[in-house]
Amino acid sequence: MKANFVDLDSIIQTKQSAWIVSKADPNIPIHRIAKHKFNIFKSGIYRSQNNKIDFNGKTFWLDNDTMEILTKKCKKLKCDISQLGISMQEFLNTSIIDDIEFDFDMSCFRPMINQDVDIYIIATKLTKKNYTEKIKEFEEKLKEMGLSVKDHYFLSETFYNRNRDEIAFYKVKILIQHLIGLKIENEIFTDEKVQQYDQVSLFDDSYKTIHLAEKINTVLEKFILKSDRSEKLKIKETMKEKDLVLKVNKLTNNKVKPIETKLIPLVFSNVIRSFENYSSGFDFSRDKV
């Protein structure tokens, strides 16, 4: 059996913006900033320019050009420039989100038509609660292609709690779960079964996720080392009986080669080494992915 895991955020094109607002009237945007600019302001790159906005327990450092725009707009709107905040309403307010136009690039799904494959969607930015209508719109497009989603994984429930390393780790954990057929909790395999597939394909445009997915055997080994012996034996048996393969599909902006593919077999020798280390009593408990 085969399954395709598609990062939904990789195929969405949207013009959502963060707002700079007056704390006295946070429902009206004074100035809109694109997502990449928001991340730059949050990162502190412009700290030396000393244009600081403190809001909701977080500090944002603006560049001089943006601050000059805000100075003019605040003067025109007669609002206090020292009382500015950041609003994420276009990401969190369902009534606003429903009015924003989303475009879905469905090209990666075309090769799946008439194929015996289960489709899973991983959403790292879109929350189930706030994007219900947009997700329905996406699934209608899939339905028109004769495809359907078997299940969803929503990895982020707020705009602020995303960490790229952590998101990459959770995505790879999901892939491993479905290749082995056992659920992972607290970085160990449990006895709870999940749908097992001999081949799992990942479709993603995140460098960190692709890079970690290509090291799936290393991640798998660390989970095995921390797991109980009973689960170790189950995993060993599964990997002896089946040829398990991860197919990594990197989505690119290259029109000639929009998808770069790499096949990575799960290597049984890693499992043998894990058992040898386990039997020798070597302590890997502090070894983190």
C-alpha atoms as a PDB file:
ATOM      1  CA  MET A   1       0.000   0.000   0.000  1.00  0.00           C
ATOM      2  CA  LYS A   2       1.081   3.563  -0.734  1.00  0.00           C
ATOM      3  CA  ALA A   3       0.301   6.964   0.754  1.00  0.00           C
ATOM      4  CA  ASN A   4       1.061  10.535  -0.274  1.00  0.00           C
ATOM      5  CA  PHE A   5       1.538  13.227   2.368  1.00  0.00           C
ATOM      6  CA  VAL A   6       1.167  16.744   0.966  1.00  0.00           C
ATOM      7  CA  ASP A   7       2.060  19.919   2.840  1.00  0.00           C
ATOM      8  CA  LEU A   8      -1.001  22.082   2.212  1.00  0.00           C
ATOM      9  CA  ASP A   9       0.886  25.327   2.749  1.00  0.00           C
ATOM     10  CA  SER A  10       3.228  24.407  -0.112  1.00  0.00           C
ATOM     11  CA  ILE A  11       0.395  24.514  -2.637  1.00  0.00           C
ATOM     12  CA  ILE A  12      -1.442  27.609  -1.375  1.00  0.00           C
ATOM     13  CA  GLN A  13      -0.914  31.085  -2.802  1.00  0.00           C
ATOM     14  CA  THR A  14      -2.465  33.865  -0.757  1.00  0.00           C
ATOM     15  CA  LYS A  15      -1.974  37.558  -0.053  1.00  0.00           C
ATOM     16  CA  GLN A  16      -2.641  37.454   3.674  1.00  0.00           C
ATOM     17  CA  SER A  17      -0.919  40.225   5.607  1.00  0.00           C
ATOM     18  CA  ALA A  18      -0.176  41.141   9.175  1.00  0.00           C
ATOM     19  CA  TRP A  19      -1.547  44.501  10.266  1.00  0.00           C
ATOM     20  CA  ILE A  20       0.079  47.338  12.146  1.00  0.00           C
ATOM     21  CA  VAL A  21      -2.731  48.888  14.159  1.00  0.00           C
ATOM     22  CA  SER A  22      -3.400  51.480  16.799  1.00  0.00           C
ATOM     23  CA  LYS A  23      -3.982  49.830  20.170  1.00  0.00           C
ATOM     24  CA  ALA A  24      -6.895  52.238  20.556  1.00  0.00           C
ATOM     25  CA  ASP A  25      -8.605  50.754  17.472  1.00  0.00           C
ATOM     26  CA  PRO A  26      -7.042  47.348  16.647  1.00  0.00           C
ATOM     27  CA  ASN A  27      -9.751  46.344  14.136  1.00  0.00           C
ATOM     28  CA  ILE A  28      -8.599  48.841  11.510  1.00  0.00           C
ATOM     29  CA  PRO A  29      -5.212  48.357   9.778  1.00  0.00           C
ATOM     30  CA  ILE A  30      -2.959  51.410   9.581  1.00  0.00           C
ATOM     31  CA  HIS A  31      -0.444  49.518   7.448  1.00  0.00           C
ATOM     32  CA  ARG A  32      -0.277  45.973   6.036  1.00  0.00           C
ATOM     33  CA  ILE A  33       2.934  43.940   6.009  1.00  0.00           C
ATOM     34  CA  ALA A  34       3.583  40.747   4.058  1.00  0.00           C
ATOM     35  CA  LYS A  35       4.315  37.494   5.905  1.00  0.00           C
ATOM     36  CA  HIS A  36       8.015  37.505   5.008  1.00  0.00           C
ATOM     37  CA  LYS A  37       8.352  41.090   6.258  1.00  0.00           C
ATOM     38  CA  PHE A  38       6.550  40.174   9.471  1.00  0.00           C
ATOM     39  CA  ASN A  39       9.058  37.356  10.058  1.00  0.00           C
ATOM     40  CA  ILE A  40      11.940  39.765   9.464  1.00  0.00           C
ATOM     41  CA  PHE A  41      10.502  42.264  11.967  1.00  0.00           C
ATOM     42  CA  LYS A  42      10.061  39.442  14.488  1.00  0.00           C
ATOM     43  CA  SER A  43      13.610  38.147  13.950  1.00  0.00           C
ATOM     44  CA  GLY A  44      15.271  41.342  15.217  1.00  0.00           C
ATOM     45  CA  ILE A  45      17.360  42.015  12.108  1.00  0.00           C
ATOM     46  CA  TYR A  46      16.455  45.715  12.292  1.00  0.00           C
ATOM     47  CA  ARG A  47      17.140  46.010  16.019  1.00  0.00           C
ATOM     48  CA  SER A  48      19.957  48.516  15.406  1.00  0.00           C
ATOM     49  CA  GLN A  49      17.474  50.946  13.750  1.00  0.00           C
ATOM     50  CA  ASN A  50      15.690  51.162  17.126  1.00  0.00           C
ATOM     51  CA  ASN A  51      12.084  51.157  15.839  1.00  0.00           C
ATOM     52  CA  LYS A  52      10.448  48.911  18.395  1.00  0.00           C
ATOM     53  CA  ILE A  53       6.836  47.751  18.734  1.00  0.00           C
ATOM     54  CA  ASP A  54       5.938  45.787  21.853  1.00  0.00           C
ATOM     55  CA  PHE A  55       2.689  43.875  21.562  1.00  0.00           C
ATOM     56  CA  ASN A  56       1.134  40.822  23.182  1.00  0.00           C
ATOM     57  CA  GLY A  57       4.364  39.941  24.994  1.00  0.00           C
ATOM     58  CA  LYS A  58       6.473  40.067  21.836  1.00  0.00           C
ATOM     59  CA  THR A  59       8.881  42.656  20.398  1.00  0.00           C
ATOM     60  CA  PHE A  60       9.036  43.591  16.720  1.00  0.00           C
ATOM     61  CA  TRP A  61      11.844  45.692  15.226  1.00  0.00           C
ATOM     62  CA  LEU A  62      10.849  47.727  12.169  1.00  0.00           C
ATOM     63  CA  ASP A  63      13.091  49.189   9.486  1.00  0.00           C
ATOM     64  CA  ASN A  64      13.368  52.952   8.989  1.00  0.00           C
ATOM     65  CA  ASP A  65      11.405  52.935   5.704  1.00  0.00           C
ATOM     66  CA  THR A  66       8.392  51.265   7.343  1.00  0.00           C
ATOM     67  CA  MET A  67       8.639  53.614  10.313  1.00  0.00           C
ATOM     68  CA  GLU A  68       8.618  56.621   7.995  1.00  0.00           C
ATOM     69  CA  ILE A  69       5.440  55.318   6.318  1.00  0.00           C
ATOM     70  CA  LEU A  70       3.820  54.788   9.722  1.00  0.00           C
ATOM     71  CA  THR A  71       4.777  58.298  10.867  1.00  0.00           C
ATOM     72  CA  LYS A  72       2.969  59.824   7.890  1.00  0.00           C
ATOM     73  CA  LYS A  73      -0.082  57.544   8.259  1.00  0.00           C
ATOM     74  CA  CYS A  74      -0.391  58.153  11.998  1.00  0.00           C
ATOM     75  CA  LYS A  75      -0.200  61.898  11.458  1.00  0.00           C
ATOM     76  CA  LYS A  76      -2.946  61.693   8.843  1.00  0.00           C
ATOM     77  CA  LEU A  77      -5.134  59.430  11.013  1.00  0.00           C
ATOM     78  CA  LYS A  78      -4.344  61.399  14.206  1.00  0.00           C
ATOM     79  CA  CYS A  79      -3.252  58.299  16.130  1.00  0.00           C
ATOM     80  CA  ASP A  80      -0.426  57.973  18.683  1.00  0.00           C
ATOM     81  CA  ILE A  81       2.613  56.404  16.987  1.00  0.00           C
ATOM     82  CA  SER A  82       3.891  55.263  20.391  1.00  0.00           C
ATOM     83  CA  GLN A  83       0.761  53.114  20.805  1.00  0.00           C
ATOM     84  CA  LEU A  84       1.064  50.764  17.836  1.00  0.00           C
ATOM     85  CA  GLY A  85       0.515  47.014  17.844  1.00  0.00           C
ATOM     86  CA  ILE A  86       0.560  43.978  15.541  1.00  0.00           C
ATOM     87  CA  SER A  87      -2.671  42.256  14.527  1.00  0.00           C
ATOM     88  CA  MET A  88      -2.942  38.838  12.850  1.00  0.00           C
ATOM     89  CA  GLN A  89      -6.653  39.090  12.003  1.00  0.00           C
ATOM     90  CA  GLU A  90      -6.158  37.970   8.402  1.00  0.00           C
ATOM     91  CA  PHE A  91      -4.762  34.708   9.808  1.00  0.00           C
ATOM     92  CA  LEU A  92      -6.962  34.240  12.882  1.00  0.00           C
ATOM     93  CA  ASN A  93     -10.321  35.926  12.256  1.00  0.00           C
ATOM     94  CA  THR A  94     -12.559  33.494  10.373  1.00  0.00           C
ATOM     95  CA  SER A  95     -14.894  36.198   9.042  1.00  0.00           C
ATOM     96  CA  ILE A  96     -11.933  37.994   7.440  1.00  0.00           C
ATOM     97  CA  ILE A  97     -10.210  34.803   6.241  1.00  0.00           C
ATOM     98  CA  ASP A  98     -13.351  33.691   4.382  1.00  0.00           C
ATOM     99  CA  ASP A  99     -13.199  36.862   2.254  1.00  0.00           C
ATOM    100  CA  ILE A 100      -9.534  36.440   1.286  1.00  0.00           C
ATOM    101  CA  GLU A 101      -8.877  34.913  -2.112  1.00  0.00           C
ATOM    102  CA  PHE A 102      -6.805  31.727  -2.024  1.00  0.00           C
ATOM    103  CA  ASP A 103      -5.233  30.052  -5.048  1.00  0.00           C
ATOM    104  CA  PHE A 104      -4.355  26.352  -4.891  1.00  0.00           C
ATOM    105  CA  ASP A 105      -1.631  24.923  -7.129  1.00  0.00           C
ATOM    106  CA  MET A 106      -3.048  21.446  -7.768  1.00  0.00           C
ATOM    107  CA  SER A 107      -0.338  20.317 -10.210  1.00  0.00           C
ATOM    108  CA  CYS A 108       1.308  17.859  -7.777  1.00  0.00           C
ATOM    109  CA  PHE A 109      -2.007  15.970  -7.494  1.00  0.00           C
ATOM    110  CA  ARG A 110      -2.403  15.284 -11.226  1.00  0.00           C
ATOM    111  CA  PRO A 111      -0.075  12.227 -11.261  1.00  0.00           C
ATOM    112  CA  MET A 112      -2.202  10.766  -8.426  1.00  0.00           C
ATOM    113  CA  ILE A 113      -5.328  10.528 -10.594  1.00  0.00           C
ATOM    114  CA  ASN A 114      -6.431   6.900 -11.091  1.00  0.00           C
ATOM    115  CA  GLN A 115      -3.677   5.719  -8.741  1.00  0.00           C
ATOM    116  CA  ASP A 116      -4.297   3.373  -5.812  1.00  0.00           C
ATOM    117  CA  VAL A 117      -2.892   5.717  -3.170  1.00  0.00           C
ATOM    118  CA  ASP A 118      -4.186   7.311   0.034  1.00  0.00           C
ATOM    119  CA  ILE A 119      -3.807  11.084   0.341  1.00  0.00           C
ATOM    120  CA  TYR A 120      -3.028  12.812   3.628  1.00  0.00           C
ATOM    121  CA  ILE A 121      -2.822  16.566   4.087  1.00  0.00           C
ATOM    122  CA  ILE A 122      -0.381  18.166   6.532  1.00  0.00           C
ATOM    123  CA  ALA A 123      -1.286  21.751   7.470  1.00  0.00           C
ATOM    124  CA  THR A 124       1.482  23.624   9.280  1.00  0.00           C
ATOM    125  CA  LYS A 125      -0.021  27.119   9.144  1.00  0.00           C
ATOM    126  CA  LEU A 126      -3.732  26.699   8.469  1.00  0.00           C
ATOM    127  CA  THR A 127      -5.736  25.798  11.539  1.00  0.00           C
ATOM    128  CA  LYS A 128      -8.802  23.586  11.282  1.00  0.00           C
ATOM    129  CA  LYS A 129     -10.940  26.038  13.272  1.00  0.00           C
ATOM    130  CA  ASN A 130     -10.107  29.191  11.304  1.00  0.00           C
ATOM    131  CA  TYR A 131      -9.775  27.797   7.788  1.00  0.00           C
ATOM    132  CA  THR A 132     -12.766  25.454   7.576  1.00  0.00           C
ATOM    133  CA  GLU A 133     -14.213  27.079   4.440  1.00  0.00           C
ATOM    134  CA  LYS A 134     -10.855  27.280   2.648  1.00  0.00           C
ATOM    135  CA  ILE A 135     -10.150  23.625   3.379  1.00  0.00           C
ATOM    136  CA  LYS A 136     -13.599  22.724   2.002  1.00  0.00           C
ATOM    137  CA  GLU A 137     -12.787  24.756  -1.114  1.00  0.00           C
ATOM    138  CA  PHE A 138      -9.517  22.846  -1.528  1.00  0.00           C
ATOM    139  CA  GLU A 139     -11.226  19.478  -1.092  1.00  0.00           C
ATOM    140  CA  GLU A 140     -13.837  20.424  -3.703  1.00  0.00           C
ATOM    141  CA  LYS A 141     -10.999  21.017  -6.169  1.00  0.00           C
ATOM    142  CA  LEU A 142      -9.607  17.587  -5.293  1.00  0.00           C
ATOM    143  CA  LYS A 143     -13.044  16.039  -5.767  1.00  0.00           C
ATOM    144  CA  GLU A 144     -13.245  17.513  -9.268  1.00  0.00           C
ATOM    145  CA  MET A 145     -10.025  15.602 -10.017  1.00  0.00           C
ATOM    146  CA  GLY A 146     -11.540  12.379  -8.701  1.00  0.00           C
ATOM    147  CA  LEU A 147      -9.412  12.468  -5.540  1.00  0.00           C
ATOM    148  CA  SER A 148     -10.187  12.672  -1.825  1.00  0.00           C
ATOM    149  CA  VAL A 149      -8.328  13.184   1.446  1.00  0.00           C
ATOM    150  CA  LYS A 150      -8.072  10.204   3.782  1.00  0.00           C
ATOM    151  CA  ASP A 151      -7.056  12.321   6.782  1.00  0.00           C
ATOM    152  CA  HIS A 152      -5.556  15.638   7.920  1.00  0.00           C
ATOM    153  CA  TYR A 153      -2.738  16.534  10.288  1.00  0.00           C
ATOM    154  CA  PHE A 154      -2.992  20.068  11.707  1.00  0.00           C
ATOM    155  CA  LEU A 155       0.365  20.917  13.288  1.00  0.00           C
ATOM    156  CA  SER A 156      -0.185  24.535  14.306  1.00  0.00           C
ATOM    157  CA  GLU A 157      -3.123  26.090  16.083  1.00  0.00           C
ATOM    158  CA  THR A 158      -1.813  29.665  16.362  1.00  0.00           C
ATOM    159  CA  PHE A 159       0.273  31.944  14.173  1.00  0.00           C
ATOM    160  CA  TYR A 160       2.924  32.422  16.843  1.00  0.00           C
ATOM    161  CA  ASN A 161       3.820  28.915  17.961  1.00  0.00           C
ATOM    162  CA  ARG A 162       5.444  27.662  14.768  1.00  0.00           C
ATOM    163  CA  ASN A 163       9.095  26.691  14.807  1.00  0.00           C
ATOM    164  CA  ARG A 164      10.539  25.422  11.532  1.00  0.00           C
ATOM    165  CA  ASP A 165      12.785  22.813  13.144  1.00  0.00           C
ATOM    166  CA  GLU A 166       9.926  21.529  15.279  1.00  0.00           C
ATOM    167  CA  ILE A 167       7.504  21.448  12.332  1.00  0.00           C
ATOM    168  CA  ALA A 168      10.035  19.502  10.225  1.00  0.00           C
ATOM    169  CA  PHE A 169      10.498  17.033  13.091  1.00  0.00           C
ATOM    170  CA  TYR A 170       6.738  16.443  13.470  1.00  0.00           C
ATOM    171  CA  LYS A 171       6.299  15.936   9.727  1.00  0.00           C
ATOM    172  CA  VAL A 172       9.045  13.301   9.603  1.00  0.00           C
ATOM    173  CA  LYS A 173       7.594  11.662  12.711  1.00  0.00           C
ATOM    174  CA  ILE A 174       4.248  11.317  10.902  1.00  0.00           C
ATOM    175  CA  LEU A 175       5.971   9.677   7.923  1.00  0.00           C
ATOM    176  CA  ILE A 176       7.799   7.206  10.185  1.00  0.00           C
ATOM    177  CA  GLN A 177       4.593   6.316  12.038  1.00  0.00           C
ATOM    178  CA  HIS A 178       2.879   5.314   8.809  1.00  0.00           C
ATOM    179  CA  LEU A 179       5.867   3.417   7.455  1.00  0.00           C
ATOM    180  CA  ILE A 180       6.248   1.362  10.638  1.00  0.00           C
ATOM    181  CA  GLY A 181       2.533   1.217  11.534  1.00  0.00           C
ATOM    182  CA  LEU A 182       2.908   2.306  15.177  1.00  0.00           C
ATOM    183  CA  LYS A 183       2.106   5.649  16.785  1.00  0.00           C
ATOM    184  CA  ILE A 184       4.932   7.700  18.297  1.00  0.00           C
ATOM    185  CA  GLU A 185       4.402   9.660  21.503  1.00  0.00           C
ATOM    186  CA  ASN A 186       7.078  11.505  23.495  1.00  0.00           C
ATOM    187  CA  GLU A 187       9.652  10.311  20.938  1.00  0.00           C
ATOM    188  CA  ILE A 188       9.004   6.595  21.563  1.00  0.00           C
ATOM    189  CA  PHE A 189       6.974   4.000  19.663  1.00  0.00           C
ATOM    190  CA  THR A 190       3.783   2.907  21.419  1.00  0.00           C
ATOM    191  CA  ASP A 191       1.708  -0.240  20.921  1.00  0.00           C
ATOM    192  CA  GLU A 192      -1.067   1.835  19.280  1.00  0.00           C
ATOM    193  CA  LYS A 193      -1.399   0.898  15.621  1.00  0.00           C
ATOM    194  CA  VAL A 194      -1.790   3.348  12.728  1.00  0.00           C
ATOM    195  CA  GLN A 195      -2.327   2.629   9.033  1.00  0.00           C
ATOM    196  CA  GLN A 196       0.887   1.130   7.692  1.00  0.00           C
ATOM    197  CA  TYR A 197       2.203   1.726   4.162  1.00  0.00           C
ATOM    198  CA  ASP A 198       5.135   0.119   2.353  1.00  0.00           C
ATOM    199  CA  GLN A 199       5.784   3.364   0.476  1.00  0.00           C
ATOM    200  CA  VAL A 200       5.161   6.856   1.785  1.00  0.00           C
ATOM    201  CA  SER A 201       5.645   9.937  -0.400  1.00  0.00           C
ATOM    202  CA  LEU A 202       6.198  13.448   0.941  1.00  0.00           C
ATOM    203  CA  PHE A 203       5.381  16.548  -1.141  1.00  0.00           C
ATOM    204  CA  ASP A 204       6.841  19.690   0.446  1.00  0.00           C
ATOM    205  CA  ASP A 205       8.743  22.883  -0.383  1.00  0.00           C
ATOM    206  CA  SER A 206      10.384  23.394   3.019  1.00  0.00           C
ATOM    207  CA  TYR A 207      14.180  23.028   2.961  1.00  0.00           C
ATOM    208  CA  LYS A 208      14.301  21.992   6.631  1.00  0.00           C
ATOM    209  CA  THR A 209      11.626  19.335   6.167  1.00  0.00           C
ATOM    210  CA  ILE A 210      13.211  17.937   2.995  1.00  0.00           C
ATOM    211  CA  HIS A 211      16.661  17.904   4.613  1.00  0.00           C
ATOM    212  CA  LEU A 212      15.413  16.060   7.716  1.00  0.00           C
ATOM    213  CA  ALA A 213      13.273  13.648   5.660  1.00  0.00           C
ATOM    214  CA  GLU A 214      16.406  12.625   3.759  1.00  0.00           C
ATOM    215  CA  LYS A 215      17.872  11.621   7.147  1.00  0.00           C
ATOM    216  CA  ILE A 216      14.836   9.527   8.051  1.00  0.00           C
ATOM    217  CA  ASN A 217      16.923   6.490   9.010  1.00  0.00           C
ATOM    218  CA  THR A 218      18.789   8.522  11.628  1.00  0.00           C
ATOM    219  CA  VAL A 219      15.527   9.850  13.079  1.00  0.00           C
ATOM    220  CA  LEU A 220      13.983   6.367  13.035  1.00  0.00           C
ATOM    221  CA  GLU A 221      16.946   4.918  14.886  1.00  0.00           C
ATOM    222  CA  LYS A 222      16.679   7.488  17.672  1.00  0.00           C
ATOM    223  CA  PHE A 223      12.983   6.678  18.168  1.00  0.00           C
ATOM    224  CA  ILE A 224      13.795   2.949  18.262  1.00  0.00           C
ATOM    225  CA  LEU A 225      16.547   3.397  20.851  1.00  0.00           C
ATOM    226  CA  LYS A 226      14.147   5.112  23.247  1.00  0.00           C
ATOM    227  CA  SER A 227      11.311   2.613  22.776  1.00  0.00           C
ATOM    228  CA  ASP A 228      10.420  -0.434  24.866  1.00  0.00           C
ATOM    229  CA  ARG A 229      11.781  -3.831  23.871  1.00  0.00           C
ATOM    230  CA  SER A 230       8.344  -5.140  22.842  1.00  0.00           C
ATOM    231  CA  GLU A 231       7.970  -2.322  20.287  1.00  0.00           C
ATOM    232  CA  LYS A 232      11.565  -2.797  19.125  1.00  0.00           C
ATOM    233  CA  LEU A 233      10.760  -6.414  18.288  1.00  0.00           C
ATOM    234  CA  LYS A 234       7.623  -5.416  16.343  1.00  0.00           C
ATOM    235  CA  ILE A 235       9.600  -2.867  14.326  1.00  0.00           C
ATOM    236  CA  LYS A 236      12.358  -5.369  13.623  1.00  0.00           C
ATOM    237  CA  GLU A 237       9.805  -7.886  12.329  1.00  0.00           C
ATOM    238  CA  THR A 238       8.057  -5.301  10.143  1.00  0.00           C
ATOM    239  CA  MET A 239      11.318  -4.197   8.558  1.00  0.00           C
ATOM    240  CA  LYS A 240      12.361  -7.809   7.919  1.00  0.00           C
ATOM    241  CA  GLU A 241       9.069  -8.607   6.194  1.00  0.00           C
ATOM    242  CA  LYS A 242       8.618  -5.416   4.161  1.00  0.00           C
ATOM    243  CA  ASP A 243      10.675  -3.196   1.886  1.00  0.00           C
ATOM    244  CA  LEU A 244       9.832   0.207   3.327  1.00  0.00           C
ATOM    245  CA  VAL A 245      10.566   3.278   1.221  1.00  0.00           C
ATOM    246  CA  LEU A 246      10.211   7.028   1.688  1.00  0.00           C
ATOM    247  CA  LYS A 247       9.813   9.003  -1.529  1.00  0.00           C
ATOM    248  CA  VAL A 248      10.816  12.636  -0.977  1.00  0.00           C
ATOM    249  CA  ASN A 249       9.293  15.054  -3.500  1.00  0.00           C
ATOM    250  CA  LYS A 250      10.700  18.563  -3.238  1.00  0.00           C
ATOM    251  CA  LEU A 251       8.295  21.106  -4.778  1.00  0.00           C
ATOM    252  CA  THR A 252      10.197  23.839  -6.647  1.00  0.00           C
ATOM    253  CA  ASN A 253       9.475  26.964  -8.700  1.00  0.00           C
ATOM    254  CA  ASN A 254      11.316  25.437 -11.644  1.00  0.00           C
ATOM    255  CA  LYS A 255       8.775  25.148 -14.462  1.00  0.00           C
ATOM    256  CA  VAL A 256      10.941  22.626 -16.328  1.00  0.00           C
ATOM    257  CA  LYS A 257      11.389  20.386 -13.279  1.00  0.00           C
ATOM    258  CA  PRO A 258       8.728  21.384 -10.705  1.00  0.00           C
ATOM    259  CA  ILE A 259       9.352  18.293  -8.532  1.00  0.00           C
ATOM    260  CA  GLU A 260      12.721  16.857  -7.494  1.00  0.00           C
ATOM    261  CA  THR A 261      12.370  13.262  -6.292  1.00  0.00           C
ATOM    262  CA  LYS A 262      14.593  11.087  -4.122  1.00  0.00           C
ATOM    263  CA  LEU A 263      13.905   7.515  -2.949  1.00  0.00           C
ATOM    264  CA  ILE A 264      15.155   6.577   0.526  1.00  0.00           C
ATOM    265  CA  PRO A 265      14.799   2.946   1.688  1.00  0.00           C
ATOM    266  CA  LEU A 266      14.484   2.376   5.433  1.00  0.00           C
ATOM    267  CA  VAL A 267      17.696   0.533   6.243  1.00  0.00           C
ATOM    268  CA  PHE A 268      17.437  -2.596   8.382  1.00  0.00           C
ATOM    269  CA  SER A 269      21.109  -2.402   9.396  1.00  0.00           C
ATOM    270  CA  ASN A 270      20.288   0.684  11.454  1.00  0.00           C
ATOM    271  CA  VAL A 271      17.775  -1.349  13.437  1.00  0.00           C
ATOM    272  CA  ILE A 272      20.317  -4.108  14.062  1.00  0.00           C
ATOM    273  CA  ARG A 273      22.801  -1.538  15.348  1.00  0.00           C
ATOM    274  CA  SER A 274      20.098  -0.064  17.582  1.00  0.00           C
ATOM    275  CA  PHE A 275      19.495  -3.474  19.172  1.00  0.00           C
ATOM    276  CA  GLU A 276      23.213  -4.036  19.670  1.00  0.00           C
ATOM    277  CA  ASN A 277      23.573  -0.663  21.390  1.00  0.00           C
ATOM    278  CA  TYR A 278      20.475  -1.343  23.477  1.00  0.00           C
ATOM    279  CA  SER A 279      21.767  -4.732  24.566  1.00  0.00           C
ATOM    280  CA  SER A 280      25.163  -3.304  25.523  1.00  0.00           C
ATOM    281  CA  GLY A 281      23.509  -0.872  27.886  1.00  0.00           C
ATOM    282  CA  PHE A 282      24.833   2.253  26.171  1.00  0.00           C
ATOM    283  CA  ASP A 283      22.821   5.315  27.258  1.00  0.00           C
ATOM    284  CA  PHE A 284      21.431   7.297  24.325  1.00  0.00           C
ATOM    285  CA  SER A 285      18.761   9.049  26.401  1.00  0.00           C
ATOM    286  CA  ARG A 286      20.385  12.456  25.988  1.00  0.00           C
ATOM    287  CA  ASP A 287      20.882  12.110  22.257  1.00  0.00           C
ATOM    288  CA  LYS A 288      18.277  14.396  20.652  1.00  0.00           C
ATOM    289  CA  VAL A 289      17.192  14.811  17.044  1.00  0.00           C
END
